[in-house]
Amino acid sequence: MGVNTQFSGDKKTVTIKIDGRFDFSNQKEFREAYRNNSMSGQIFHVELARTEYMDSSALGMLLLLKEHADNCNGTVILKQPSESIKKILDMANFNRQFEIT
């Protein structure tokens, strides 16, 4: 369980998969998944299909990723959240700041 990162062939798309819990214990792994990726127009997919739990520190980490992406004219897309994770994202009004598919 944890954070897994994959890159597209042209490195324009970074896919960050969160398995299990998404909380402060993932902070270092999550930050390292995107920190050195600042290509203009880069797309960050955050796969939440296998995320079982998310707390406020995870929401903060997503906001930091969005700030990073905005600084390089990139995009963050939150993908396939479970019903319970989607409720958390909606309560935090993340549907106004992120594309959620």
Protein backbone atom coordinates (compact mmCIF):
# COMPACT_ATOMS: atom_id res chain seq x y z
CA MET A 1 0.00 0.00 0.00
CA GLY A 2 1.09 3.59 -0.45
CA VAL A 3 1.99 5.89 -3.30
CA ASN A 4 3.02 4.62 -6.75
CA THR A 5 4.07 6.86 -9.63
CA GLN A 6 4.06 6.21 -13.37
CA PHE A 7 5.08 8.47 -16.27
CA SER A 8 3.83 8.55 -19.83
CA GLY A 9 6.40 7.99 -22.57
CA ASP A 10 6.80 11.72 -23.18
CA LYS A 11 6.78 12.42 -19.40
CA LYS A 12 3.95 14.94 -19.89
CA THR A 13 1.53 12.88 -17.79
CA VAL A 14 2.35 11.79 -14.26
CA THR A 15 -0.01 9.23 -12.70
CA ILE A 16 0.08 9.07 -8.91
CA LYS A 17 -1.80 6.08 -7.47
CA ILE A 18 -2.83 6.12 -3.82
CA ASP A 19 -3.53 2.68 -2.36
CA GLY A 20 -5.08 2.29 1.09
CA ARG A 21 -4.78 5.22 3.48
CA PHE A 22 -4.00 8.73 2.24
CA ASP A 23 -2.85 10.69 5.26
CA PHE A 24 0.22 12.39 6.73
CA SER A 25 2.17 9.12 6.68
CA ASN A 26 2.20 9.39 2.83
CA GLN A 27 3.37 13.00 2.80
CA LYS A 28 7.00 12.40 1.80
CA GLU A 29 6.18 9.80 -0.87
CA PHE A 30 3.42 11.96 -2.33
CA ARG A 31 5.58 15.08 -2.50
CA GLU A 32 8.44 13.17 -4.13
CA ALA A 33 6.02 11.86 -6.76
CA TYR A 34 5.64 15.33 -8.27
CA ARG A 35 8.32 17.60 -6.81
CA ASN A 36 10.88 17.15 -9.60
CA ASN A 37 8.29 17.24 -12.38
CA SER A 38 7.78 20.80 -13.54
CA MET A 39 7.38 20.47 -17.30
CA SER A 40 5.16 23.19 -18.72
CA GLY A 41 1.65 21.89 -19.31
CA GLN A 42 2.24 18.72 -17.33
CA ILE A 43 -0.84 16.71 -16.36
CA PHE A 44 -1.03 15.04 -12.96
CA HIS A 45 -3.55 12.22 -12.61
CA VAL A 46 -4.21 11.25 -9.01
CA GLU A 47 -5.79 7.78 -9.05
CA LEU A 48 -8.05 7.36 -6.01
CA ALA A 49 -9.87 4.15 -6.96
CA ARG A 50 -8.01 2.12 -4.32
CA THR A 51 -7.90 4.85 -1.68
CA GLU A 52 -9.78 3.67 1.40
CA TYR A 53 -9.27 6.62 3.75
CA MET A 54 -8.43 10.30 3.34
CA ASP A 55 -7.93 12.91 6.05
CA SER A 56 -7.39 16.68 6.11
CA SER A 57 -3.62 16.35 5.61
CA ALA A 58 -4.32 14.50 2.35
CA LEU A 59 -6.55 17.37 1.24
CA GLY A 60 -3.69 19.74 2.02
CA MET A 61 -1.29 17.63 -0.01
CA LEU A 62 -3.66 17.76 -2.98
CA LEU A 63 -3.78 21.55 -2.69
CA LEU A 64 0.03 21.69 -2.68
CA LEU A 65 0.08 19.53 -5.81
CA LYS A 66 -2.41 21.90 -7.44
CA GLU A 67 -0.22 24.88 -6.54
CA HIS A 68 2.79 23.09 -8.06
CA ALA A 69 0.83 22.29 -11.23
CA ASP A 70 -0.49 25.85 -11.51
CA ASN A 71 3.09 27.17 -11.30
CA CYS A 72 4.03 25.15 -14.40
CA ASN A 73 0.73 25.72 -16.26
CA GLY A 74 -0.22 22.13 -15.53
CA THR A 75 -3.41 20.36 -14.57
CA VAL A 76 -4.45 18.04 -11.74
CA ILE A 77 -7.20 15.49 -12.34
CA LEU A 78 -8.56 13.41 -9.46
CA LYS A 79 -9.62 10.08 -10.93
CA GLN A 80 -12.10 7.41 -9.84
CA PRO A 81 -12.64 8.27 -6.18
CA SER A 82 -14.81 5.81 -4.27
CA GLU A 83 -18.17 7.05 -3.03
CA SER A 84 -16.80 7.77 0.46
CA ILE A 85 -13.74 9.62 -0.87
CA LYS A 86 -15.94 11.58 -3.30
CA LYS A 87 -18.08 12.73 -0.34
CA ILE A 88 -14.96 14.04 1.42
CA LEU A 89 -13.84 15.87 -1.72
CA ASP A 90 -17.31 17.37 -2.19
CA MET A 91 -17.54 18.51 1.46
CA ALA A 92 -14.20 20.29 0.98
CA ASN A 93 -15.51 21.87 -2.25
CA PHE A 94 -12.68 20.29 -4.22
CA ASN A 95 -15.07 19.89 -7.14
CA ARG A 96 -14.63 23.66 -7.63
CA GLN A 97 -10.83 23.50 -7.71
CA PHE A 98 -10.14 20.15 -9.37
CA GLU A 99 -11.47 18.13 -12.24
CA ILE A 100 -12.86 14.94 -10.71
CA THR A 101 -13.61 12.07 -13.09
